[in-house]
Amino acid sequence: MHRQRCTRIIATLGPSSSDVEIIKKLSDAGADVFRLNMSHGNHSDISQMHSAIREVENMTGRAIGIMADLQGPKLRVGVFDGDKVALVKGKEFILDMDDTPGTEHRVCLPHPEIYQVVEKGTDLLLDDGKIRLKINKVEDNKIITEVTVGGVISNRKGVNVPSAILPLSALTKKDKKDLDFVLSLGVDWVALSFVQRPEDVEEARKIIGGNASIMAKLEKPAALYALDEIIALADAVMVARGDMGVEMPMEEVPAKQKKIIRHARRAGKPVVVATQMLESMITSPVPTRAEVSDVANAVFDGTDAIMLSAESAAGDYPVEAVSYMDRIARKVEQEPSYRRAQGKEEIRLEPTSADALSSAAKQVATTLEAAAIVTYTTSGSTAIRAARERPNTPLLVLTPNQMTARRLTMVWGLNCVHTKDAVNFQDMIDKACQICLQHNFARLNDRIVITAGMPFGSPGKTNVLRIARIQSYHSEVS
């Protein structure tokens, strides 16, 4: 039960990792949450992977989180005569609404939303930024550009408009169908792609309600202008560095990553760093030194979780990739400078008993050299408060809500046990002590710090802090 690291690992499932056996190996290697990429695979494939994860959860006895990552709006050019053409720097190139096959002079761009917001001087990026166009003129259904970075482009390559907020919902028709489907499966997290503004999160919340937690993927420069508002509305955020590195100069991405982590930490919201973290391990059994440093820096910055994409979904070494992430995170967290950095980060405490007790629990546990901080929670909010304090003391979360246990697998340092709620004050102490012993969080005569709410079973009622000493317990706890 007790992970030897606090930073969580998300592994994407795919052709290389879709059956029970490999998912079990990924979990044993250190994966805490599994990502289902709705851009790939049909609903039948997704359902089978979801069932396989739950089977592994039953086998291990450890709560496992499942995140469905929606595709979001994809902007693409049409097709070309001969399937591809070469665009030459300095030449004119036209984008229009004519769906006939394109040439080296023009191609269809079937997205009227783009025509509405671009203007002379705007840059358009094609094929993940490999080709760049500068707009010289915009007409009703025609954009006349000059090729500033040329190259070969083929059918249906992506289009990015980095300087504009497009009048597009973050949820397409496909996303809404996928969302209905994954909610029916019972996923724990929904990742919302291409969030541009707070309204995108609000729209998703109306559909999802409380049936899953929402992670806002930050990959558009426009989202950074409303960063704090988006963080406030979402349950977590992701630094999605793939498209972010296309839509802004790549040298700006590391600073934006640090900014997003800092703002999320201050707000007490979980934050994930993703994209190309161990990219070379798609084909190599070991990562590069630069990739190891990239993962380590994300951990040093205080991120809650780090994510594997193609490395675990389609790579040749998915288990090894998770193992390396686990090793890197554990090594970083052993560094004294890591703990010092976590303790210096400013967080916003609300004038509530829950925040006050979470902060006090860290100090008490440190002073007493307690073996664990045990937090009772129903909704998960108390546990998240405890995690944002970044204590040196291990965090054990006891919850009667299995859905809460699964959602909290995304959060720094939380080790969750699904158990019946305490029935009275003494039962609260006995249950906490016994589970600490069962899961090797403490030994006999160790002290633990307990936070809980009374009356028991009432969300948002954290009002008790108790110090207990572990005695001998023999009976099983359910």
Protein backbone atom coordinates (compact mmCIF):
# COMPACT_ATOMS: atom_id res chain seq x y z
CA MET A 1 0.00 0.00 0.00
CA HIS A 2 2.73 2.44 0.98
CA ARG A 3 4.46 3.89 -2.11
CA GLN A 4 8.05 4.85 -1.44
CA ARG A 5 7.51 8.18 -3.20
CA CYS A 6 4.99 11.00 -3.08
CA THR A 7 4.93 12.06 -6.74
CA ARG A 8 2.32 10.03 -8.60
CA ILE A 9 2.73 8.33 -11.98
CA ILE A 10 0.13 8.28 -14.77
CA ALA A 11 0.57 5.68 -17.52
CA THR A 12 -1.34 5.84 -20.80
CA LEU A 13 -2.76 2.53 -22.04
CA GLY A 14 -2.75 1.45 -25.66
CA PRO A 15 -1.66 -1.36 -27.99
CA SER A 16 1.44 -2.09 -25.87
CA SER A 17 -0.43 -2.19 -22.58
CA SER A 18 -4.06 -3.18 -22.86
CA ASP A 19 -4.36 -6.57 -21.16
CA VAL A 20 -4.59 -7.51 -17.49
CA GLU A 21 -1.09 -8.99 -17.29
CA ILE A 22 0.75 -5.91 -18.55
CA ILE A 23 -1.50 -3.51 -16.59
CA LYS A 24 -0.67 -5.49 -13.44
CA LYS A 25 3.03 -5.16 -14.22
CA LEU A 26 2.65 -1.41 -14.77
CA SER A 27 0.84 -1.07 -11.45
CA ASP A 28 3.51 -3.08 -9.65
CA ALA A 29 6.22 -0.96 -11.29
CA GLY A 30 4.64 2.21 -9.90
CA ALA A 31 1.70 3.40 -12.03
CA ASP A 32 -0.94 5.00 -9.80
CA VAL A 33 -3.38 6.22 -12.47
CA PHE A 34 -4.13 4.92 -15.96
CA ARG A 35 -5.01 7.22 -18.84
CA LEU A 36 -7.46 6.20 -21.56
CA ASN A 37 -6.78 8.30 -24.66
CA MET A 38 -10.09 8.96 -26.40
CA SER A 39 -8.27 10.10 -29.55
CA HIS A 40 -7.37 6.45 -30.20
CA GLY A 41 -9.37 3.26 -29.93
CA ASN A 42 -13.09 2.66 -30.14
CA HIS A 43 -15.52 2.39 -27.24
CA SER A 44 -15.16 -1.37 -27.14
CA ASP A 45 -11.38 -1.09 -26.69
CA ILE A 46 -11.80 1.56 -24.00
CA SER A 47 -14.36 -0.56 -22.14
CA GLN A 48 -12.06 -3.59 -22.17
CA MET A 49 -9.14 -1.56 -20.79
CA HIS A 50 -11.37 -0.09 -18.10
CA SER A 51 -12.48 -3.56 -17.03
CA ALA A 52 -8.87 -4.80 -17.04
CA ILE A 53 -7.81 -1.94 -14.74
CA ARG A 54 -10.59 -2.73 -12.28
CA GLU A 55 -9.58 -6.40 -12.34
CA VAL A 56 -6.01 -5.40 -11.47
CA GLU A 57 -7.35 -3.17 -8.69
CA ASN A 58 -9.14 -6.16 -7.19
CA MET A 59 -5.98 -8.26 -7.49
CA THR A 60 -3.71 -5.70 -5.80
CA GLY A 61 -6.10 -4.31 -3.20
CA ARG A 62 -4.83 -0.83 -4.07
CA ALA A 63 -7.12 1.95 -5.32
CA ILE A 64 -6.33 2.77 -8.96
CA GLY A 65 -7.43 5.95 -10.70
CA ILE A 66 -8.70 6.00 -14.28
CA MET A 67 -8.55 9.16 -16.40
CA ALA A 68 -10.36 9.53 -19.74
CA ASP A 69 -8.59 12.11 -21.92
CA LEU A 70 -10.99 13.71 -24.40
CA GLN A 71 -9.71 14.54 -27.87
CA GLY A 72 -10.99 18.11 -28.03
CA PRO A 73 -11.36 20.20 -31.20
CA LYS A 74 -8.91 19.20 -33.93
CA LEU A 75 -8.28 21.78 -36.65
CA ARG A 76 -6.95 20.28 -39.87
CA VAL A 77 -6.40 21.19 -43.51
CA GLY A 78 -8.03 19.10 -46.24
CA VAL A 79 -6.40 16.68 -48.67
CA PHE A 80 -3.90 17.30 -51.45
CA ASP A 81 -3.77 16.12 -55.03
CA GLY A 82 -1.20 13.34 -54.82
CA ASP A 83 -1.54 13.26 -50.99
CA LYS A 84 1.27 15.75 -50.34
CA VAL A 85 2.93 18.91 -51.68
CA ALA A 86 6.05 20.98 -50.97
CA LEU A 87 5.53 24.55 -49.78
CA VAL A 88 8.37 26.93 -50.66
CA LYS A 89 9.52 29.75 -48.39
CA GLY A 90 8.49 33.16 -49.71
CA LYS A 91 5.71 31.80 -51.95
CA GLU A 92 2.03 32.66 -51.64
CA PHE A 93 -0.25 29.96 -50.21
CA ILE A 94 -4.04 30.23 -49.91
CA LEU A 95 -6.40 28.56 -47.44
CA ASP A 96 -10.05 28.48 -48.49
CA MET A 97 -13.36 26.65 -48.06
CA ASP A 98 -13.16 24.83 -51.41
CA ASP A 99 -13.03 21.11 -50.64
CA THR A 100 -11.35 20.12 -53.91
CA PRO A 101 -7.87 18.55 -53.46
CA GLY A 102 -5.14 21.07 -52.69
CA THR A 103 -1.99 21.99 -54.59
CA GLU A 104 1.25 23.81 -53.83
CA HIS A 105 -0.79 27.02 -54.18
CA ARG A 106 -3.87 26.32 -52.01
CA VAL A 107 -5.73 23.87 -49.78
CA CYS A 108 -9.08 23.63 -48.04
CA LEU A 109 -9.33 24.84 -44.45
CA PRO A 110 -12.85 23.73 -43.42
CA HIS A 111 -13.04 25.69 -40.17
CA PRO A 112 -15.03 28.94 -40.49
CA GLU A 113 -14.14 29.80 -36.87
CA ILE A 114 -10.56 30.50 -37.93
CA TYR A 115 -11.63 32.94 -40.65
CA GLN A 116 -13.57 34.92 -38.02
CA VAL A 117 -10.64 35.70 -35.73
CA VAL A 118 -7.44 35.89 -37.80
CA GLU A 119 -6.14 39.08 -39.38
CA LYS A 120 -3.21 40.40 -41.36
CA GLY A 121 0.04 39.59 -39.58
CA THR A 122 -1.32 36.52 -37.76
CA ASP A 123 0.81 33.37 -37.90
CA LEU A 124 -0.66 30.01 -38.83
CA LEU A 125 1.22 26.84 -37.94
CA LEU A 126 0.76 23.59 -39.86
CA ASP A 127 1.83 20.06 -38.98
CA ASP A 128 2.85 20.72 -35.34
CA GLY A 129 4.60 23.95 -36.29
CA LYS A 130 6.88 22.40 -38.92
CA ILE A 131 5.38 24.79 -41.51
CA ARG A 132 4.66 28.47 -40.79
CA LEU A 133 2.49 30.87 -42.72
CA LYS A 134 2.15 34.66 -42.29
CA ILE A 135 -1.29 36.06 -43.17
CA ASN A 136 -1.23 38.90 -45.70
CA LYS A 137 -4.97 39.23 -46.31
CA VAL A 138 -8.25 37.78 -45.04
CA GLU A 139 -11.38 37.60 -47.19
CA ASP A 140 -14.75 36.02 -46.40
CA ASN A 141 -13.75 32.45 -47.26
CA LYS A 142 -10.11 32.89 -48.11
CA ILE A 143 -6.90 33.48 -46.19
CA ILE A 144 -3.95 34.61 -48.29
CA THR A 145 -0.59 33.86 -46.69
CA GLU A 146 3.13 33.87 -47.31
CA VAL A 147 5.16 30.76 -46.47
CA THR A 148 7.76 31.78 -43.88
CA VAL A 149 8.93 28.24 -43.08
CA GLY A 150 8.44 25.75 -45.88
CA GLY A 151 8.46 21.99 -46.19
CA VAL A 152 6.44 18.98 -47.30
CA ILE A 153 2.85 18.78 -46.02
CA SER A 154 0.45 15.88 -46.47
CA ASN A 155 -3.27 15.26 -46.03
CA ARG A 156 -5.22 16.46 -42.98
CA LYS A 157 -2.33 17.89 -41.02
CA GLY A 158 -3.14 19.96 -37.97
CA VAL A 159 -3.49 23.74 -37.83
CA ASN A 160 -2.60 25.93 -34.86
CA VAL A 161 -3.50 29.59 -34.40
CA PRO A 162 -1.34 30.56 -31.40
CA SER A 163 -2.28 34.23 -31.07
CA ALA A 164 -6.08 33.90 -31.22
CA ILE A 165 -8.87 32.73 -28.94
CA LEU A 166 -11.01 30.66 -31.28
CA PRO A 167 -14.80 30.69 -30.86
CA LEU A 168 -14.81 26.94 -30.26
CA SER A 169 -16.10 24.90 -27.38
CA ALA A 170 -13.56 22.58 -25.77
CA LEU A 171 -16.20 19.83 -26.20
CA THR A 172 -16.94 18.65 -29.74
CA LYS A 173 -19.79 16.34 -30.73
CA LYS A 174 -17.35 13.43 -30.54
CA ASP A 175 -16.22 14.55 -27.08
CA LYS A 176 -19.79 14.68 -25.79
CA LYS A 177 -20.47 11.15 -27.05
CA ASP A 178 -17.20 9.94 -25.54
CA LEU A 179 -18.00 11.74 -22.30
CA ASP A 180 -21.38 10.06 -21.95
CA PHE A 181 -19.70 6.72 -22.57
CA VAL A 182 -16.81 7.07 -20.10
CA LEU A 183 -19.13 8.43 -17.41
CA SER A 184 -21.28 5.33 -17.85
CA LEU A 185 -18.14 3.24 -17.27
CA GLY A 186 -17.38 5.14 -14.08
CA VAL A 187 -14.04 6.81 -14.81
CA ASP A 188 -12.59 8.89 -11.99
CA TRP A 189 -11.10 11.78 -13.97
CA VAL A 190 -11.97 13.50 -17.24
CA ALA A 191 -9.17 15.44 -18.93
CA LEU A 192 -10.49 18.38 -20.96
CA SER A 193 -8.33 19.18 -23.99
CA PHE A 194 -7.58 22.60 -25.48
CA VAL A 195 -9.09 24.65 -22.66
CA GLN A 196 -8.97 28.33 -23.65
CA ARG A 197 -11.11 30.05 -21.03
CA PRO A 198 -12.91 29.37 -17.72
CA GLU A 199 -16.21 28.89 -19.57
CA ASP A 200 -14.81 25.69 -21.11
CA VAL A 201 -14.49 24.14 -17.65
CA GLU A 202 -17.93 25.40 -16.63
CA GLU A 203 -19.50 23.80 -19.70
CA ALA A 204 -17.91 20.45 -18.89
CA ARG A 205 -18.96 20.72 -15.23
CA LYS A 206 -22.61 21.09 -16.23
CA ILE A 207 -22.44 17.78 -18.07
CA ILE A 208 -20.20 15.86 -15.67
CA GLY A 209 -21.60 17.17 -12.41
CA GLY A 210 -20.03 15.22 -9.58
CA ASN A 211 -19.68 11.99 -11.54
CA ALA A 212 -15.96 12.54 -12.19
CA SER A 213 -13.25 15.07 -11.37
CA ILE A 214 -12.18 17.49 -14.12
CA MET A 215 -8.61 18.06 -15.21
CA ALA A 216 -8.06 21.13 -17.41
CA LYS A 217 -5.26 20.57 -19.93
CA LEU A 218 -3.29 23.78 -20.39
CA GLU A 219 -1.87 23.74 -23.91
CA LYS A 220 -3.17 26.99 -25.43
CA PRO A 221 -1.46 30.34 -24.68
CA ALA A 222 -4.93 31.89 -24.25
CA ALA A 223 -5.50 29.68 -21.19
CA LEU A 224 -2.53 31.23 -19.41
CA TYR A 225 -4.21 34.65 -19.49
CA ALA A 226 -6.98 33.19 -17.30
CA LEU A 227 -4.78 30.73 -15.42
CA ASP A 228 -6.01 31.37 -11.88
CA GLU A 229 -9.67 31.40 -12.95
CA ILE A 230 -9.27 28.05 -14.74
CA ILE A 231 -7.42 26.54 -11.78
CA ALA A 232 -10.18 27.69 -9.45
CA LEU A 233 -12.89 26.00 -11.53
CA ALA A 234 -11.06 22.75 -12.34
CA ASP A 235 -10.27 19.94 -9.90
CA ALA A 236 -6.74 19.67 -11.31
CA VAL A 237 -4.65 21.00 -14.20
CA MET A 238 -2.18 19.45 -16.63
CA VAL A 239 0.86 21.09 -18.19
CA ALA A 240 0.31 19.62 -21.67
CA ARG A 241 3.63 20.52 -23.22
CA GLY A 242 3.00 19.04 -26.67
CA ASP A 243 0.69 21.64 -28.18
CA MET A 244 1.99 24.27 -25.78
CA GLY A 245 5.41 23.87 -27.41
CA VAL A 246 3.82 24.35 -30.83
CA GLU A 247 1.73 27.39 -30.00
CA MET A 248 4.48 29.32 -28.23
CA PRO A 249 8.26 29.43 -28.62
CA MET A 250 9.62 26.20 -27.16
CA GLU A 251 12.11 28.06 -24.99
CA GLU A 252 9.18 29.61 -23.10
CA VAL A 253 7.63 26.27 -22.11
CA PRO A 254 9.87 25.48 -19.08
CA ALA A 255 9.05 28.82 -17.44
CA LYS A 256 5.32 28.36 -18.14
CA GLN A 257 5.52 24.86 -16.63
CA LYS A 258 7.00 26.25 -13.42
CA LYS A 259 4.40 29.04 -13.33
CA ILE A 260 1.48 26.64 -13.71
CA ILE A 261 2.83 24.33 -11.00
CA ARG A 262 3.38 27.28 -8.67
CA HIS A 263 -0.12 28.69 -9.18
CA ALA A 264 -1.77 25.27 -8.79
CA ARG A 265 0.20 24.58 -5.61
CA ARG A 266 -0.84 27.93 -4.13
CA ALA A 267 -4.48 27.16 -4.90
CA GLY A 268 -4.22 23.67 -3.43
CA LYS A 269 -5.10 21.95 -6.71
CA PRO A 270 -3.28 18.89 -8.08
CA VAL A 271 -1.06 19.50 -11.12
CA VAL A 272 0.33 17.05 -13.70
CA VAL A 273 3.31 17.45 -16.04
CA ALA A 274 2.96 15.55 -19.32
CA THR A 275 4.30 14.96 -22.85
CA GLN A 276 7.58 13.47 -24.07
CA MET A 277 8.97 12.92 -20.59
CA LEU A 278 10.74 9.67 -21.58
CA GLU A 279 10.10 9.87 -25.33
CA SER A 280 13.19 7.90 -26.35
CA MET A 281 11.88 4.89 -24.40
CA ILE A 282 9.31 4.28 -27.12
CA THR A 283 12.14 2.38 -28.81
CA SER A 284 14.95 2.32 -26.24
CA PRO A 285 15.14 0.32 -22.98
CA VAL A 286 16.77 3.26 -21.19
CA PRO A 287 16.03 7.02 -21.22
CA THR A 288 18.44 9.75 -22.21
CA ARG A 289 20.20 11.78 -19.52
CA ALA A 290 18.27 14.85 -20.63
CA GLU A 291 14.95 13.02 -20.15
CA VAL A 292 15.98 11.93 -16.66
CA SER A 293 16.73 15.58 -15.86
CA ASP A 294 13.38 16.66 -17.30
CA VAL A 295 11.45 14.23 -15.08
CA ALA A 296 13.58 15.16 -12.07
CA ASN A 297 12.99 18.88 -12.59
CA ALA A 298 9.22 18.37 -12.69
CA VAL A 299 9.46 16.50 -9.39
CA PHE A 300 11.70 19.19 -7.89
CA ASP A 301 9.11 21.80 -8.92
CA GLY A 302 6.53 20.03 -6.75
CA THR A 303 4.21 18.54 -9.33
CA ASP A 304 1.65 16.05 -8.03
CA ALA A 305 2.04 13.63 -10.93
CA ILE A 306 4.14 12.92 -14.00
CA MET A 307 2.68 11.24 -17.07
CA LEU A 308 3.75 8.77 -19.74
CA SER A 309 2.02 8.90 -23.13
CA ALA A 310 3.28 6.90 -26.12
CA GLU A 311 6.07 5.47 -23.94
CA SER A 312 3.58 3.20 -22.16
CA ALA A 313 0.77 3.14 -24.74
CA ALA A 314 2.65 2.15 -27.89
CA GLY A 315 6.30 1.80 -26.90
CA ASP A 316 8.47 -1.30 -26.76
CA TYR A 317 9.31 -0.86 -23.05
CA PRO A 318 6.20 0.30 -21.14
CA VAL A 319 7.05 -1.37 -17.81
CA GLU A 320 10.64 -0.15 -17.95
CA ALA A 321 9.42 3.42 -18.58
CA VAL A 322 7.25 3.34 -15.46
CA SER A 323 10.11 1.83 -13.48
CA TYR A 324 12.47 4.61 -14.51
CA MET A 325 9.93 7.26 -13.57
CA ASP A 326 9.53 5.61 -10.19
CA ARG A 327 13.30 5.47 -9.64
CA ILE A 328 13.84 9.08 -10.66
CA ALA A 329 11.03 10.41 -8.46
CA ARG A 330 12.16 8.41 -5.42
CA LYS A 331 15.74 9.60 -5.81
CA VAL A 332 14.73 13.26 -6.11
CA GLU A 333 12.45 13.05 -3.08
CA GLN A 334 15.34 11.77 -0.98
CA GLU A 335 17.29 14.96 -1.62
CA PRO A 336 17.24 17.46 1.28
CA SER A 337 16.85 20.30 -1.22
CA TYR A 338 13.58 18.77 -2.41
CA ARG A 339 11.99 18.90 1.04
CA ARG A 340 13.29 22.41 1.64
CA ALA A 341 11.78 23.59 -1.64
CA GLN A 342 8.40 22.03 -0.87
CA GLY A 343 8.29 23.67 2.53
CA LYS A 344 8.99 27.13 1.10
CA GLU A 345 6.07 27.18 -1.33
CA GLU A 346 3.35 29.60 -0.29
CA ILE A 347 -0.16 28.13 -0.12
CA ARG A 348 -3.45 29.85 0.52
CA LEU A 349 -5.07 28.80 3.78
CA GLU A 350 -8.75 29.57 4.19
CA PRO A 351 -9.93 30.70 7.66
CA THR A 352 -11.55 27.31 8.33
CA SER A 353 -11.04 24.62 10.94
CA ALA A 354 -10.17 22.13 8.19
CA ASP A 355 -7.30 24.24 6.87
CA ALA A 356 -6.11 25.09 10.35
CA LEU A 357 -6.05 21.44 11.43
CA SER A 358 -4.33 20.27 8.24
CA SER A 359 -1.59 22.82 8.78
CA ALA A 360 -1.33 21.95 12.47
CA ALA A 361 -1.17 18.21 11.73
CA LYS A 362 2.02 18.71 9.72
CA GLN A 363 3.67 20.68 12.51
CA VAL A 364 2.58 18.26 15.23
CA ALA A 365 3.75 15.24 13.22
CA THR A 366 7.13 16.85 12.60
CA THR A 367 7.61 17.82 16.24
CA LEU A 368 6.63 14.37 17.55
CA GLU A 369 8.43 12.52 14.73
CA ALA A 370 5.14 10.71 14.13
CA ALA A 371 5.09 7.65 11.89
CA ALA A 372 2.07 8.82 9.87
CA ILE A 373 -0.65 11.40 9.47
CA VAL A 374 -4.00 9.61 9.15
CA THR A 375 -6.83 11.57 7.57
CA TYR A 376 -10.46 10.49 7.54
CA THR A 377 -12.33 11.91 4.56
CA THR A 378 -15.57 11.33 2.67
CA SER A 379 -15.32 13.78 -0.23
CA GLY A 380 -11.51 13.94 -0.38
CA SER A 381 -11.19 17.66 0.35
CA THR A 382 -9.54 17.10 3.75
CA ALA A 383 -6.97 14.76 2.22
CA ILE A 384 -6.11 17.26 -0.51
CA ARG A 385 -5.61 19.92 2.17
CA ALA A 386 -3.23 17.58 4.00
CA ALA A 387 -1.29 16.87 0.79
CA ARG A 388 -0.82 20.52 -0.15
CA GLU A 389 1.06 21.02 3.13
CA ARG A 390 3.71 18.65 1.71
CA PRO A 391 4.58 17.07 5.09
CA ASN A 392 7.67 14.91 5.55
CA THR A 393 5.42 12.43 7.38
CA PRO A 394 3.66 9.73 5.28
CA LEU A 395 -0.02 10.41 4.59
CA LEU A 396 -2.62 7.65 5.03
CA VAL A 397 -6.17 8.42 3.88
CA LEU A 398 -9.14 6.42 5.17
CA THR A 399 -12.41 6.84 3.30
CA PRO A 400 -15.73 4.97 3.13
CA ASN A 401 -16.14 6.18 -0.46
CA GLN A 402 -14.36 4.03 -3.06
CA MET A 403 -14.78 6.73 -5.71
CA THR A 404 -12.95 9.19 -3.44
CA ALA A 405 -10.09 6.74 -2.91
CA ARG A 406 -9.68 6.33 -6.66
CA ARG A 407 -9.76 10.06 -7.40
CA LEU A 408 -7.15 10.79 -4.74
CA THR A 409 -4.60 8.51 -6.44
CA MET A 410 -3.76 11.58 -8.57
CA VAL A 411 -2.68 13.61 -5.53
CA TRP A 412 0.83 13.99 -4.09
CA GLY A 413 1.64 11.70 -1.20
CA LEU A 414 -1.82 10.26 -0.54
CA ASN A 415 -2.05 6.54 0.22
CA CYS A 416 -5.74 5.67 0.21
CA VAL A 417 -7.57 2.81 1.94
CA HIS A 418 -11.24 2.17 1.30
CA THR A 419 -12.75 1.25 4.67
CA LYS A 420 -15.92 1.69 6.69
CA ASP A 421 -16.23 5.02 8.46
CA ALA A 422 -15.58 5.23 12.20
CA VAL A 423 -18.68 4.88 14.35
CA ASN A 424 -17.37 6.72 17.40
CA PHE A 425 -14.30 8.49 18.75
CA GLN A 426 -12.56 5.37 20.09
CA ASP A 427 -13.29 3.47 16.89
CA MET A 428 -11.66 6.33 14.96
CA ILE A 429 -8.43 5.85 16.94
CA ASP A 430 -8.51 2.04 16.88
CA LYS A 431 -9.17 1.85 13.14
CA ALA A 432 -6.39 4.34 12.32
CA CYS A 433 -3.86 2.50 14.48
CA GLN A 434 -4.78 -0.92 13.14
CA ILE A 435 -4.63 0.07 9.46
CA CYS A 436 -1.28 1.79 10.04
CA LEU A 437 0.03 -1.53 11.37
CA GLN A 438 -1.55 -3.63 8.62
CA HIS A 439 -0.07 -1.51 5.84
CA ASN A 440 3.32 -0.95 7.46
CA PHE A 441 2.93 2.76 8.05
CA ALA A 442 3.85 2.34 11.71
CA ARG A 443 5.13 -0.13 14.28
CA LEU A 444 4.16 -0.80 17.87
CA ASN A 445 4.64 2.21 20.17
CA ASP A 446 4.92 4.65 17.24
CA ARG A 447 2.82 7.77 17.45
CA ILE A 448 0.44 8.88 14.70
CA VAL A 449 -1.52 12.09 14.13
CA ILE A 450 -5.20 11.71 13.21
CA THR A 451 -7.53 14.31 11.66
CA ALA A 452 -11.24 13.66 11.27
CA GLY A 453 -14.65 15.27 11.34
CA MET A 454 -17.41 14.81 13.88
CA PRO A 455 -20.12 13.79 13.51
CA PHE A 456 -18.60 11.00 11.39
CA GLY A 457 -19.71 10.71 7.78
CA SER A 458 -20.39 14.43 7.35
CA PRO A 459 -18.33 15.90 4.46
CA GLY A 460 -16.55 19.17 5.18
CA LYS A 461 -16.61 18.76 8.96
CA THR A 462 -12.91 18.29 9.78
CA ASN A 463 -12.71 19.49 13.38
CA VAL A 464 -10.66 16.92 15.31
CA LEU A 465 -6.90 16.46 15.66
CA ARG A 466 -5.79 13.54 17.82
CA ILE A 467 -2.38 12.11 18.73
CA ALA A 468 -2.40 8.33 19.28
CA ARG A 469 0.17 5.71 20.14
CA ILE A 470 0.11 2.38 18.29
CA GLN A 471 -0.80 -0.54 20.55
CA SER A 472 -1.22 -4.21 19.68
CA TYR A 473 -4.14 -4.90 17.30
CA HIS A 474 -5.01 -8.33 15.97
CA SER A 475 -8.48 -8.21 14.44
CA GLU A 476 -9.08 -7.33 10.80
CA VAL A 477 -10.47 -3.96 9.85
CA SER A 478 -13.04 -3.73 7.03
